[in-house]
Amino acid sequence: MTNPKEITIPQPAPRRLACSRCGAEFGCDLSGNCWCAEETAKLPMPVKGKDCLCRECLRKAATAVS
């Protein structure tokens, strides 16, 4: 019998995304350790059909909103 404590679930590989504003490629870590979690700027999640912003565009958008 397998010991449940010995079972490891592999973490998903970071996704490669293109910024929905400028097209810059960047990584998104779905395990919750994404660089955007470290940002002080918090914006709503992207709308359907759009994806996340790169670090620079996220910061610019947060500045425009504040």
PDB file of N, CA and C in Angstrom:
ATOM      1  N   MET A   1       0.854  -1.182   0.000  1.00  0.00           N
ATOM      2  CA  MET A   1       0.000   0.000   0.000  1.00  0.00           C
ATOM      3  C   MET A   1       0.890   1.233   0.000  1.00  0.00           C
ATOM      4  N   THR A   2       0.488   2.254  -0.687  1.00  0.00           N
ATOM      5  CA  THR A   2       1.246   3.499  -0.775  1.00  0.00           C
ATOM      6  C   THR A   2       0.943   4.377   0.422  1.00  0.00           C
ATOM      7  N   ASN A   3       1.979   4.927   1.001  1.00  0.00           N
ATOM      8  CA  ASN A   3       1.822   5.856   2.116  1.00  0.00           C
ATOM      9  C   ASN A   3       1.410   7.212   1.535  1.00  0.00           C
ATOM     10  N   PRO A   4       0.248   7.766   1.956  1.00  0.00           N
ATOM     11  CA  PRO A   4      -0.202   9.053   1.395  1.00  0.00           C
ATOM     12  C   PRO A   4       0.798  10.178   1.595  1.00  0.00           C
ATOM     13  N   LYS A   5       1.632  10.100   2.614  1.00  0.00           N
ATOM     14  CA  LYS A   5       2.626  11.141   2.858  1.00  0.00           C
ATOM     15  C   LYS A   5       3.750  11.103   1.826  1.00  0.00           C
ATOM     16  N   GLU A   6       3.877   9.982   1.132  1.00  0.00           N
ATOM     17  CA  GLU A   6       4.936   9.831   0.131  1.00  0.00           C
ATOM     18  C   GLU A   6       4.480  10.258  -1.259  1.00  0.00           C
ATOM     19  N   ILE A   7       3.217  10.530  -1.426  1.00  0.00           N
ATOM     20  CA  ILE A   7       2.685  10.925  -2.726  1.00  0.00           C
ATOM     21  C   ILE A   7       2.972  12.413  -2.936  1.00  0.00           C
ATOM     22  N   THR A   8       3.598  12.717  -4.032  1.00  0.00           N
ATOM     23  CA  THR A   8       3.857  14.119  -4.368  1.00  0.00           C
ATOM     24  C   THR A   8       3.077  14.481  -5.628  1.00  0.00           C
ATOM     25  N   ILE A   9       2.503  15.633  -5.595  1.00  0.00           N
ATOM     26  CA  ILE A   9       1.759  16.130  -6.747  1.00  0.00           C
ATOM     27  C   ILE A   9       2.642  17.144  -7.451  1.00  0.00           C
ATOM     28  N   PRO A  10       2.976  16.877  -8.700  1.00  0.00           N
ATOM     29  CA  PRO A  10       3.858  17.815  -9.414  1.00  0.00           C
ATOM     30  C   PRO A  10       3.196  19.176  -9.604  1.00  0.00           C
ATOM     31  N   GLN A  11       3.983  20.227  -9.454  1.00  0.00           N
ATOM     32  CA  GLN A  11       3.495  21.586  -9.659  1.00  0.00           C
ATOM     33  C   GLN A  11       3.461  21.866 -11.158  1.00  0.00           C
ATOM     34  N   PRO A  12       2.441  22.583 -11.612  1.00  0.00           N
ATOM     35  CA  PRO A  12       2.382  22.908 -13.044  1.00  0.00           C
ATOM     36  C   PRO A  12       3.538  23.827 -13.436  1.00  0.00           C
ATOM     37  N   ALA A  13       4.006  23.650 -14.641  1.00  0.00           N
ATOM     38  CA  ALA A  13       5.069  24.514 -15.155  1.00  0.00           C
ATOM     39  C   ALA A  13       4.506  25.915 -15.376  1.00  0.00           C
ATOM     40  N   PRO A  14       5.336  26.944 -15.216  1.00  0.00           N
ATOM     41  CA  PRO A  14       4.852  28.312 -15.480  1.00  0.00           C
ATOM     42  C   PRO A  14       4.342  28.426 -16.921  1.00  0.00           C
ATOM     43  N   ARG A  15       3.235  29.127 -17.081  1.00  0.00           N
ATOM     44  CA  ARG A  15       2.694  29.377 -18.418  1.00  0.00           C
ATOM     45  C   ARG A  15       3.474  30.512 -19.056  1.00  0.00           C
ATOM     46  N   ARG A  16       3.637  30.467 -20.356  1.00  0.00           N
ATOM     47  CA  ARG A  16       4.214  31.582 -21.103  1.00  0.00           C
ATOM     48  C   ARG A  16       3.049  32.342 -21.708  1.00  0.00           C
ATOM     49  N   LEU A  17       2.974  33.610 -21.379  1.00  0.00           N
ATOM     50  CA  LEU A  17       1.877  34.455 -21.836  1.00  0.00           C
ATOM     51  C   LEU A  17       2.394  35.621 -22.652  1.00  0.00           C
ATOM     52  N   ALA A  18       1.511  36.227 -23.408  1.00  0.00           N
ATOM     53  CA  ALA A  18       1.805  37.478 -24.098  1.00  0.00           C
ATOM     54  C   ALA A  18       0.923  38.538 -23.457  1.00  0.00           C
ATOM     55  N   CYS A  19       1.514  39.641 -23.052  1.00  0.00           N
ATOM     56  CA  CYS A  19       0.787  40.739 -22.417  1.00  0.00           C
ATOM     57  C   CYS A  19      -0.335  41.194 -23.345  1.00  0.00           C
ATOM     58  N   SER A  20      -1.537  41.354 -22.778  1.00  0.00           N
ATOM     59  CA  SER A  20      -2.673  41.752 -23.617  1.00  0.00           C
ATOM     60  C   SER A  20      -2.602  43.206 -24.060  1.00  0.00           C
ATOM     61  N   ARG A  21      -1.673  43.988 -23.505  1.00  0.00           N
ATOM     62  CA  ARG A  21      -1.503  45.392 -23.939  1.00  0.00           C
ATOM     63  C   ARG A  21      -0.363  45.558 -24.923  1.00  0.00           C
ATOM     64  N   CYS A  22       0.839  45.077 -24.538  1.00  0.00           N
ATOM     65  CA  CYS A  22       2.014  45.362 -25.366  1.00  0.00           C
ATOM     66  C   CYS A  22       2.548  44.145 -26.119  1.00  0.00           C
ATOM     67  N   GLY A  23       2.079  42.955 -25.770  1.00  0.00           N
ATOM     68  CA  GLY A  23       2.520  41.751 -26.463  1.00  0.00           C
ATOM     69  C   GLY A  23       3.804  41.140 -25.922  1.00  0.00           C
ATOM     70  N   ALA A  24       4.399  41.745 -24.882  1.00  0.00           N
ATOM     71  CA  ALA A  24       5.631  41.199 -24.305  1.00  0.00           C
ATOM     72  C   ALA A  24       5.363  39.823 -23.702  1.00  0.00           C
ATOM     73  N   GLU A  25       6.305  38.907 -23.882  1.00  0.00           N
ATOM     74  CA  GLU A  25       6.162  37.567 -23.329  1.00  0.00           C
ATOM     75  C   GLU A  25       6.634  37.558 -21.879  1.00  0.00           C
ATOM     76  N   PHE A  26       5.897  36.836 -21.028  1.00  0.00           N
ATOM     77  CA  PHE A  26       6.291  36.702 -19.630  1.00  0.00           C
ATOM     78  C   PHE A  26       5.727  35.402 -19.086  1.00  0.00           C
ATOM     79  N   GLY A  27       6.172  35.023 -17.895  1.00  0.00           N
ATOM     80  CA  GLY A  27       5.735  33.780 -17.284  1.00  0.00           C
ATOM     81  C   GLY A  27       4.713  34.011 -16.183  1.00  0.00           C
ATOM     82  N   CYS A  28       3.831  33.038 -16.020  1.00  0.00           N
ATOM     83  CA  CYS A  28       2.819  33.070 -14.964  1.00  0.00           C
ATOM     84  C   CYS A  28       2.869  31.724 -14.257  1.00  0.00           C
ATOM     85  N   ASP A  29       3.134  31.733 -12.957  1.00  0.00           N
ATOM     86  CA  ASP A  29       3.237  30.507 -12.178  1.00  0.00           C
ATOM     87  C   ASP A  29       1.894  30.226 -11.515  1.00  0.00           C
ATOM     88  N   LEU A  30       1.198  29.209 -11.984  1.00  0.00           N
ATOM     89  CA  LEU A  30      -0.143  28.896 -11.498  1.00  0.00           C
ATOM     90  C   LEU A  30      -0.154  28.313 -10.090  1.00  0.00           C
ATOM     91  N   SER A  31       1.010  28.050  -9.515  1.00  0.00           N
ATOM     92  CA  SER A  31       1.047  27.482  -8.170  1.00  0.00           C
ATOM     93  C   SER A  31       0.778  28.535  -7.110  1.00  0.00           C
ATOM     94  N   GLY A  32       0.627  29.776  -7.514  1.00  0.00           N
ATOM     95  CA  GLY A  32       0.365  30.843  -6.557  1.00  0.00           C
ATOM     96  C   GLY A  32       1.602  31.652  -6.226  1.00  0.00           C
ATOM     97  N   ASN A  33       2.731  31.307  -6.828  1.00  0.00           N
ATOM     98  CA  ASN A  33       3.982  32.025  -6.588  1.00  0.00           C
ATOM     99  C   ASN A  33       4.332  32.937  -7.754  1.00  0.00           C
ATOM    100  N   CYS A  34       3.335  33.474  -8.403  1.00  0.00           N
ATOM    101  CA  CYS A  34       3.556  34.326  -9.568  1.00  0.00           C
ATOM    102  C   CYS A  34       4.136  35.676  -9.133  1.00  0.00           C
ATOM    103  N   TRP A  35       4.928  36.290  -9.985  1.00  0.00           N
ATOM    104  CA  TRP A  35       5.536  37.586  -9.678  1.00  0.00           C
ATOM    105  C   TRP A  35       4.481  38.637  -9.365  1.00  0.00           C
ATOM    106  N   CYS A  36       3.286  38.518  -9.952  1.00  0.00           N
ATOM    107  CA  CYS A  36       2.268  39.549  -9.740  1.00  0.00           C
ATOM    108  C   CYS A  36       1.764  39.561  -8.294  1.00  0.00           C
ATOM    109  N   ALA A  37       1.902  38.456  -7.574  1.00  0.00           N
ATOM    110  CA  ALA A  37       1.494  38.418  -6.174  1.00  0.00           C
ATOM    111  C   ALA A  37       2.385  39.316  -5.320  1.00  0.00           C
ATOM    112  N   GLU A  38       3.590  39.594  -5.801  1.00  0.00           N
ATOM    113  CA  GLU A  38       4.532  40.446  -5.079  1.00  0.00           C
ATOM    114  C   GLU A  38       4.281  41.928  -5.342  1.00  0.00           C
ATOM    115  N   GLU A  39       3.487  42.247  -6.358  1.00  0.00           N
ATOM    116  CA  GLU A  39       3.226  43.631  -6.717  1.00  0.00           C
ATOM    117  C   GLU A  39       2.285  44.284  -5.708  1.00  0.00           C
ATOM    118  N   THR A  40       2.514  45.552  -5.438  1.00  0.00           N
ATOM    119  CA  THR A  40       1.607  46.279  -4.552  1.00  0.00           C
ATOM    120  C   THR A  40       0.335  46.671  -5.288  1.00  0.00           C
ATOM    121  N   ALA A  41       0.428  46.803  -6.597  1.00  0.00           N
ATOM    122  CA  ALA A  41      -0.741  47.159  -7.415  1.00  0.00           C
ATOM    123  C   ALA A  41      -1.636  45.939  -7.555  1.00  0.00           C
ATOM    124  N   LYS A  42      -2.907  46.108  -7.291  1.00  0.00           N
ATOM    125  CA  LYS A  42      -3.875  45.028  -7.462  1.00  0.00           C
ATOM    126  C   LYS A  42      -4.977  45.530  -8.383  1.00  0.00           C
ATOM    127  N   LEU A  43      -5.132  44.862  -9.506  1.00  0.00           N
ATOM    128  CA  LEU A  43      -6.172  45.202 -10.471  1.00  0.00           C
ATOM    129  C   LEU A  43      -7.110  44.018 -10.607  1.00  0.00           C
ATOM    130  N   PRO A  44      -8.306  44.223 -11.131  1.00  0.00           N
ATOM    131  CA  PRO A  44      -9.217  43.092 -11.342  1.00  0.00           C
ATOM    132  C   PRO A  44      -8.612  42.068 -12.296  1.00  0.00           C
ATOM    133  N   MET A  45      -9.066  40.834 -12.188  1.00  0.00           N
ATOM    134  CA  MET A  45      -8.619  39.783 -13.099  1.00  0.00           C
ATOM    135  C   MET A  45      -9.042  40.161 -14.513  1.00  0.00           C
ATOM    136  N   PRO A  46      -8.315  39.680 -15.515  1.00  0.00           N
ATOM    137  CA  PRO A  46      -8.656  40.009 -16.907  1.00  0.00           C
ATOM    138  C   PRO A  46     -10.073  39.560 -17.265  1.00  0.00           C
ATOM    139  N   VAL A  47     -10.678  40.294 -18.167  1.00  0.00           N
ATOM    140  CA  VAL A  47     -12.006  39.939 -18.655  1.00  0.00           C
ATOM    141  C   VAL A  47     -11.896  38.789 -19.643  1.00  0.00           C
ATOM    142  N   LYS A  48     -13.010  38.137 -19.915  1.00  0.00           N
ATOM    143  CA  LYS A  48     -13.024  37.005 -20.836  1.00  0.00           C
ATOM    144  C   LYS A  48     -12.435  37.405 -22.183  1.00  0.00           C
ATOM    145  N   GLY A  49     -11.555  36.562 -22.703  1.00  0.00           N
ATOM    146  CA  GLY A  49     -10.929  36.824 -23.992  1.00  0.00           C
ATOM    147  C   GLY A  49      -9.633  37.608 -23.889  1.00  0.00           C
ATOM    148  N   LYS A  50      -9.298  38.102 -22.700  1.00  0.00           N
ATOM    149  CA  LYS A  50      -8.051  38.837 -22.473  1.00  0.00           C
ATOM    150  C   LYS A  50      -7.184  38.022 -21.528  1.00  0.00           C
ATOM    151  N   ASP A  51      -5.937  38.375 -21.415  1.00  0.00           N
ATOM    152  CA  ASP A  51      -5.063  37.684 -20.484  1.00  0.00           C
ATOM    153  C   ASP A  51      -4.370  38.718 -19.608  1.00  0.00           C
ATOM    154  N   CYS A  52      -3.481  38.268 -18.771  1.00  0.00           N
ATOM    155  CA  CYS A  52      -2.796  39.126 -17.808  1.00  0.00           C
ATOM    156  C   CYS A  52      -1.897  40.150 -18.503  1.00  0.00           C
ATOM    157  N   LEU A  53      -1.460  41.125 -17.722  1.00  0.00           N
ATOM    158  CA  LEU A  53      -0.527  42.143 -18.193  1.00  0.00           C
ATOM    159  C   LEU A  53       0.873  41.803 -17.711  1.00  0.00           C
ATOM    160  N   CYS A  54       1.880  42.233 -18.464  1.00  0.00           N
ATOM    161  CA  CYS A  54       3.256  42.082 -18.017  1.00  0.00           C
ATOM    162  C   CYS A  54       3.491  43.046 -16.844  1.00  0.00           C
ATOM    163  N   ARG A  55       4.608  42.902 -16.170  1.00  0.00           N
ATOM    164  CA  ARG A  55       4.901  43.715 -14.989  1.00  0.00           C
ATOM    165  C   ARG A  55       4.833  45.210 -15.293  1.00  0.00           C
ATOM    166  N   GLU A  56       5.439  45.628 -16.401  1.00  0.00           N
ATOM    167  CA  GLU A  56       5.472  47.060 -16.746  1.00  0.00           C
ATOM    168  C   GLU A  56       4.076  47.598 -17.022  1.00  0.00           C
ATOM    169  N   CYS A  57       3.272  46.863 -17.806  1.00  0.00           N
ATOM    170  CA  CYS A  57       1.917  47.328 -18.125  1.00  0.00           C
ATOM    171  C   CYS A  57       1.014  47.288 -16.890  1.00  0.00           C
ATOM    172  N   LEU A  58       1.209  46.318 -16.005  1.00  0.00           N
ATOM    173  CA  LEU A  58       0.438  46.267 -14.768  1.00  0.00           C
ATOM    174  C   LEU A  58       0.713  47.511 -13.925  1.00  0.00           C
ATOM    175  N   ARG A  59       1.970  47.862 -13.815  1.00  0.00           N
ATOM    176  CA  ARG A  59       2.327  49.052 -13.039  1.00  0.00           C
ATOM    177  C   ARG A  59       1.773  50.319 -13.679  1.00  0.00           C
ATOM    178  N   LYS A  60       1.840  50.426 -15.004  1.00  0.00           N
ATOM    179  CA  LYS A  60       1.292  51.597 -15.693  1.00  0.00           C
ATOM    180  C   LYS A  60      -0.216  51.680 -15.493  1.00  0.00           C
ATOM    181  N   ALA A  61      -0.906  50.547 -15.606  1.00  0.00           N
ATOM    182  CA  ALA A  61      -2.357  50.537 -15.435  1.00  0.00           C
ATOM    183  C   ALA A  61      -2.736  50.905 -14.009  1.00  0.00           C
ATOM    184  N   ALA A  62      -1.986  50.446 -13.033  1.00  0.00           N
ATOM    185  CA  ALA A  62      -2.271  50.767 -11.627  1.00  0.00           C
ATOM    186  C   ALA A  62      -2.056  52.252 -11.372  1.00  0.00           C
ATOM    187  N   THR A  63      -1.048  52.842 -11.981  1.00  0.00           N
ATOM    188  CA  THR A  63      -0.788  54.268 -11.828  1.00  0.00           C
ATOM    189  C   THR A  63      -1.925  55.074 -12.444  1.00  0.00           C
ATOM    190  N   ALA A  64      -2.427  54.635 -13.584  1.00  0.00           N
ATOM    191  CA  ALA A  64      -3.519  55.344 -14.263  1.00  0.00           C
ATOM    192  C   ALA A  64      -4.818  55.278 -13.462  1.00  0.00           C
ATOM    193  N   VAL A  65      -5.027  54.190 -12.731  1.00  0.00           N
ATOM    194  CA  VAL A  65      -6.249  54.013 -11.955  1.00  0.00           C
ATOM    195  C   VAL A  65      -6.201  54.823 -10.652  1.00  0.00           C
ATOM    196  N   SER A  66      -5.011  54.953 -10.088  1.00  0.00           N
ATOM    197  CA  SER A  66      -4.908  55.645  -8.776  1.00  0.00           C
ATOM    198  C   SER A  66      -4.861  57.142  -8.894  1.00  0.00           C
TER     199      SER A  66
END
